[in-house]
C-alpha atoms as a PDB file:
ATOM      1  CA  UNK A   1      -0.341   0.125  -0.219  1.00  0.00           C
ATOM      2  CA  UNK A   2       3.135   2.580   0.799  1.00  0.00           C
ATOM      3  CA  UNK A   3       4.345   1.224  -2.527  1.00  0.00           C
ATOM      4  CA  UNK A   4       1.665   2.473  -4.611  1.00  0.00           C
ATOM      5  CA  UNK A   5       1.497   6.064  -2.656  1.00  0.00           C
ATOM      6  CA  UNK A   6       4.828   6.520  -3.170  1.00  0.00           C
ATOM      7  CA  UNK A   7       4.067   5.632  -7.075  1.00  0.00           C
ATOM      8  CA  UNK A   8       0.900   7.992  -7.139  1.00  0.00           C
ATOM      9  CA  UNK A   9       2.463  10.597  -5.163  1.00  0.00           C
ATOM     10  CA  UNK A  10       5.416  10.430  -8.002  1.00  0.00           C
ATOM     11  CA  UNK A  11       3.094  10.412 -10.607  1.00  0.00           C
ATOM     12  CA  UNK A  12       1.378  13.523  -9.456  1.00  0.00           C
ATOM     13  CA  UNK A  13       4.435  15.821  -9.158  1.00  0.00           C
ATOM     14  CA  UNK A  14       5.846  14.348 -12.576  1.00  0.00           C
ATOM     15  CA  UNK A  15       3.045  14.596 -14.412  1.00  0.00           C
ATOM     16  CA  UNK A  16       3.225  18.339 -14.918  1.00  0.00           C
ATOM     17  CA  UNK A  17       6.297  18.278 -15.860  1.00  0.00           C
ATOM     18  CA  UNK A  18       5.492  15.647 -18.183  1.00  0.00           C
ATOM     19  CA  UNK A  19       2.548  17.706 -19.874  1.00  0.00           C
ATOM     20  CA  UNK A  20       4.407  21.105 -20.116  1.00  0.00           C
ATOM     21  CA  UNK A  21       7.431  18.986 -21.691  1.00  0.00           C
ATOM     22  CA  UNK A  22       5.269  17.126 -24.288  1.00  0.00           C
ATOM     23  CA  UNK A  23       2.563  19.555 -24.765  1.00  0.00           C
ATOM     24  CA  UNK A  24       3.275  23.048 -23.294  1.00  0.00           C
ATOM     25  CA  UNK A  25       3.448  25.810 -25.639  1.00  0.00           C
ATOM     26  CA  UNK A  26       6.301  28.613 -25.243  1.00  0.00           C
ATOM     27  CA  UNK A  27       5.164  32.175 -24.809  1.00  0.00           C
ATOM     28  CA  UNK A  28       7.796  34.594 -23.678  1.00  0.00           C
ATOM     29  CA  UNK A  29       7.249  36.544 -20.546  1.00  0.00           C
ATOM     30  CA  UNK A  30       9.781  39.357 -19.204  1.00  0.00           C
ATOM     31  CA  UNK A  31      12.518  37.962 -20.863  1.00  0.00           C
ATOM     32  CA  UNK A  32      12.292  34.377 -20.188  1.00  0.00           C
ATOM     33  CA  UNK A  33      10.969  31.778 -21.789  1.00  0.00           C
ATOM     34  CA  UNK A  34       8.097  29.999 -20.672  1.00  0.00           C
ATOM     35  CA  UNK A  35       5.888  26.572 -21.105  1.00  0.00           C
ATOM     36  CA  UNK A  36       1.982  26.968 -20.909  1.00  0.00           C
ATOM     37  CA  UNK A  37      -0.766  24.439 -21.170  1.00  0.00           C
ATOM     38  CA  UNK A  38      -3.491  25.674 -19.398  1.00  0.00           C
ATOM     39  CA  UNK A  39      -3.182  26.595 -15.913  1.00  0.00           C
ATOM     40  CA  UNK A  40       0.268  24.974 -15.907  1.00  0.00           C
ATOM     41  CA  UNK A  41       3.452  26.898 -16.605  1.00  0.00           C
ATOM     42  CA  UNK A  42       6.970  27.100 -16.011  1.00  0.00           C
ATOM     43  CA  UNK A  43       9.670  29.761 -16.918  1.00  0.00           C
ATOM     44  CA  UNK A  44      13.464  29.587 -17.304  1.00  0.00           C
ATOM     45  CA  UNK A  45      15.259  32.439 -16.170  1.00  0.00           C
ATOM     46  CA  UNK A  46      19.035  32.946 -17.370  1.00  0.00           C
ATOM     47  CA  UNK A  47      21.909  34.634 -16.217  1.00  0.00           C
ATOM     48  CA  UNK A  48      22.912  36.981 -19.539  1.00  0.00           C
ATOM     49  CA  UNK A  49      26.829  36.763 -19.734  1.00  0.00           C
ATOM     50  CA  UNK A  50      29.775  36.722 -22.618  1.00  0.00           C
ATOM     51  CA  UNK A  51      33.021  35.226 -22.203  1.00  0.00           C
ATOM     52  CA  UNK A  52      34.749  38.735 -23.907  1.00  0.00           C
ATOM     53  CA  UNK A  53      34.556  41.451 -21.548  1.00  0.00           C
ATOM     54  CA  UNK A  54      34.643  43.928 -23.883  1.00  0.00           C
ATOM     55  CA  UNK A  55      31.134  42.277 -25.077  1.00  0.00           C
ATOM     56  CA  UNK A  56      27.228  42.754 -24.195  1.00  0.00           C
ATOM     57  CA  UNK A  57      24.953  39.573 -23.902  1.00  0.00           C
ATOM     58  CA  UNK A  58      21.429  40.340 -26.080  1.00  0.00           C
ATOM     59  CA  UNK A  59      18.610  38.308 -25.200  1.00  0.00           C
ATOM     60  CA  UNK A  60      16.611  37.550 -28.925  1.00  0.00           C
ATOM     61  CA  UNK A  61      14.648  35.063 -27.901  1.00  0.00           C
ATOM     62  CA  UNK A  62      13.027  32.034 -27.434  1.00  0.00           C
ATOM     63  CA  UNK A  63      14.208  28.936 -29.677  1.00  0.00           C
ATOM     64  CA  UNK A  64      11.505  26.215 -30.823  1.00  0.00           C
ATOM     65  CA  UNK A  65      12.368  24.286 -28.457  1.00  0.00           C
ATOM     66  CA  UNK A  66      11.739  26.880 -25.800  1.00  0.00           C
ATOM     67  CA  UNK A  67      15.122  27.634 -25.154  1.00  0.00           C
ATOM     68  CA  UNK A  68      17.008  31.162 -24.753  1.00  0.00           C
ATOM     69  CA  UNK A  69      18.710  32.441 -27.256  1.00  0.00           C
ATOM     70  CA  UNK A  70      21.428  35.134 -26.370  1.00  0.00           C
ATOM     71  CA  UNK A  71      24.137  36.853 -28.933  1.00  0.00           C
ATOM     72  CA  UNK A  72      26.945  38.906 -27.572  1.00  0.00           C
ATOM     73  CA  UNK A  73      28.014  41.923 -29.518  1.00  0.00           C
ATOM     74  CA  UNK A  74      30.388  43.978 -29.056  1.00  0.00           C
ATOM     75  CA  UNK A  75      30.050  46.842 -26.374  1.00  0.00           C
ATOM     76  CA  UNK A  76      28.641  50.098 -27.958  1.00  0.00           C
ATOM     77  CA  UNK A  77      31.374  52.893 -26.818  1.00  0.00           C
ATOM     78  CA  UNK A  78      29.992  56.099 -26.207  1.00  0.00           C
ATOM     79  CA  UNK A  79      32.216  59.405 -26.644  1.00  0.00           C
ATOM     80  CA  UNK A  80      29.520  60.688 -23.473  1.00  0.00           C
ATOM     81  CA  UNK A  81      30.323  59.698 -19.814  1.00  0.00           C
ATOM     82  CA  UNK A  82      27.852  59.886 -16.784  1.00  0.00           C
ATOM     83  CA  UNK A  83      27.840  62.253 -13.985  1.00  0.00           C
ATOM     84  CA  UNK A  84      31.039  60.418 -11.724  1.00  0.00           C
ATOM     85  CA  UNK A  85      32.927  61.992 -14.197  1.00  0.00           C
ATOM     86  CA  UNK A  86      32.806  65.702 -12.786  1.00  0.00           C
ATOM     87  CA  UNK A  87      35.609  65.757 -10.323  1.00  0.00           C
ATOM     88  CA  UNK A  88      37.243  63.256 -12.061  1.00  0.00           C
ATOM     89  CA  UNK A  89      41.150  63.993 -11.298  1.00  0.00           C
ATOM     90  CA  UNK A  90      43.196  64.400 -15.319  1.00  0.00           C
ATOM     91  CA  UNK A  91      45.689  65.974 -16.709  1.00  0.00           C
ATOM     92  CA  UNK A  92      44.621  66.716 -20.448  1.00  0.00           C
ATOM     93  CA  UNK A  93      40.542  67.392 -21.927  1.00  0.00           C
ATOM     94  CA  UNK A  94      40.852  63.877 -23.569  1.00  0.00           C
ATOM     95  CA  UNK A  95      41.053  62.569 -19.664  1.00  0.00           C
ATOM     96  CA  UNK A  96      37.676  63.569 -19.680  1.00  0.00           C
ATOM     97  CA  UNK A  97      33.943  62.642 -20.858  1.00  0.00           C
ATOM     98  CA  UNK A  98      31.184  65.054 -21.352  1.00  0.00           C
ATOM     99  CA  UNK A  99      28.308  63.625 -19.161  1.00  0.00           C
ATOM    100  CA  UNK A 100      25.028  62.555 -21.117  1.00  0.00           C
ATOM    101  CA  UNK A 101      23.023  64.260 -18.589  1.00  0.00           C
ATOM    102  CA  UNK A 102      24.543  67.346 -19.853  1.00  0.00           C
ATOM    103  CA  UNK A 103      24.748  65.946 -23.279  1.00  0.00           C
ATOM    104  CA  UNK A 104      21.036  65.945 -23.701  1.00  0.00           C
ATOM    105  CA  UNK A 105      20.825  69.369 -22.233  1.00  0.00           C
ATOM    106  CA  UNK A 106      19.178  70.941 -25.869  1.00  0.00           C
ATOM    107  CA  UNK A 107      18.729  74.584 -24.819  1.00  0.00           C
ATOM    108  CA  UNK A 108      23.043  74.628 -23.483  1.00  0.00           C
ATOM    109  CA  UNK A 109      25.926  73.761 -25.048  1.00  0.00           C
ATOM    110  CA  UNK A 110      28.591  72.284 -22.089  1.00  0.00           C
ATOM    111  CA  UNK A 111      31.727  71.016 -22.902  1.00  0.00           C
ATOM    112  CA  UNK A 112      34.041  69.027 -19.991  1.00  0.00           C
ATOM    113  CA  UNK A 113      37.265  70.404 -19.653  1.00  0.00           C
ATOM    114  CA  UNK A 114      40.699  69.447 -17.669  1.00  0.00           C
ATOM    115  CA  UNK A 115      41.021  72.278 -15.105  1.00  0.00           C
ATOM    116  CA  UNK A 116      43.196  72.595 -12.470  1.00  0.00           C
ATOM    117  CA  UNK A 117      43.729  68.543 -12.568  1.00  0.00           C
ATOM    118  CA  UNK A 118      40.068  67.984 -12.528  1.00  0.00           C
ATOM    119  CA  UNK A 119      37.216  67.459 -14.907  1.00  0.00           C
ATOM    120  CA  UNK A 120      34.977  70.469 -15.442  1.00  0.00           C
ATOM    121  CA  UNK A 121      31.565  71.120 -16.481  1.00  0.00           C
ATOM    122  CA  UNK A 122      31.517  74.519 -18.698  1.00  0.00           C
ATOM    123  CA  UNK A 123      29.048  76.466 -20.712  1.00  0.00           C
ATOM    124  CA  UNK A 124      30.367  76.225 -24.435  1.00  0.00           C
ATOM    125  CA  UNK A 125      28.659  79.518 -24.390  1.00  0.00           C
ATOM    126  CA  UNK A 126      29.564  81.076 -21.520  1.00  0.00           C
ATOM    127  CA  UNK A 127      33.430  80.672 -21.945  1.00  0.00           C
ATOM    128  CA  UNK A 128      33.656  81.791 -25.715  1.00  0.00           C
ATOM    129  CA  UNK A 129      31.612  85.132 -24.786  1.00  0.00           C
ATOM    130  CA  UNK A 130      34.510  85.997 -21.483  1.00  0.00           C
ATOM    131  CA  UNK A 131      37.223  85.030 -24.377  1.00  0.00           C
ATOM    132  CA  UNK A 132      35.792  87.621 -26.675  1.00  0.00           C
ATOM    133  CA  UNK A 133      35.323  89.841 -23.638  1.00  0.00           C
ATOM    134  CA  UNK A 134      39.103  90.139 -23.221  1.00  0.00           C
ATOM    135  CA  UNK A 135      40.042  90.255 -26.290  1.00  0.00           C
ATOM    136  CA  UNK A 136      37.606  93.576 -26.920  1.00  0.00           C
ATOM    137  CA  UNK A 137      39.119  95.177 -23.397  1.00  0.00           C
END
């Protein structure tokens, strides 16, 4: 009797996986491949990583077997930095990258320069006006 109970329990536990694996339809939910059959569902989430540090993973969806399709692509190298660039130690202007937060402000033209060995944001128009005023004196 105990043996029969164990067999029934095993079937009840394994049956949903069997049904999903063999009859479930693959659907995409929040960047995961999910098998669904009626009220049964199972989703697979993966850690995406690339072996090459100059590449980043891009999730492309699910294949016919409901497995993730991930490709590694070369990282985008932006000419812009983030706000941590402001005040960073530098030797020359090229050591500094203009933060994207300043680059997208369309009403001003900001630049970042190495001034007193620190990356410093300047308003390019104000800087130009100051230079022109010093020439006219």
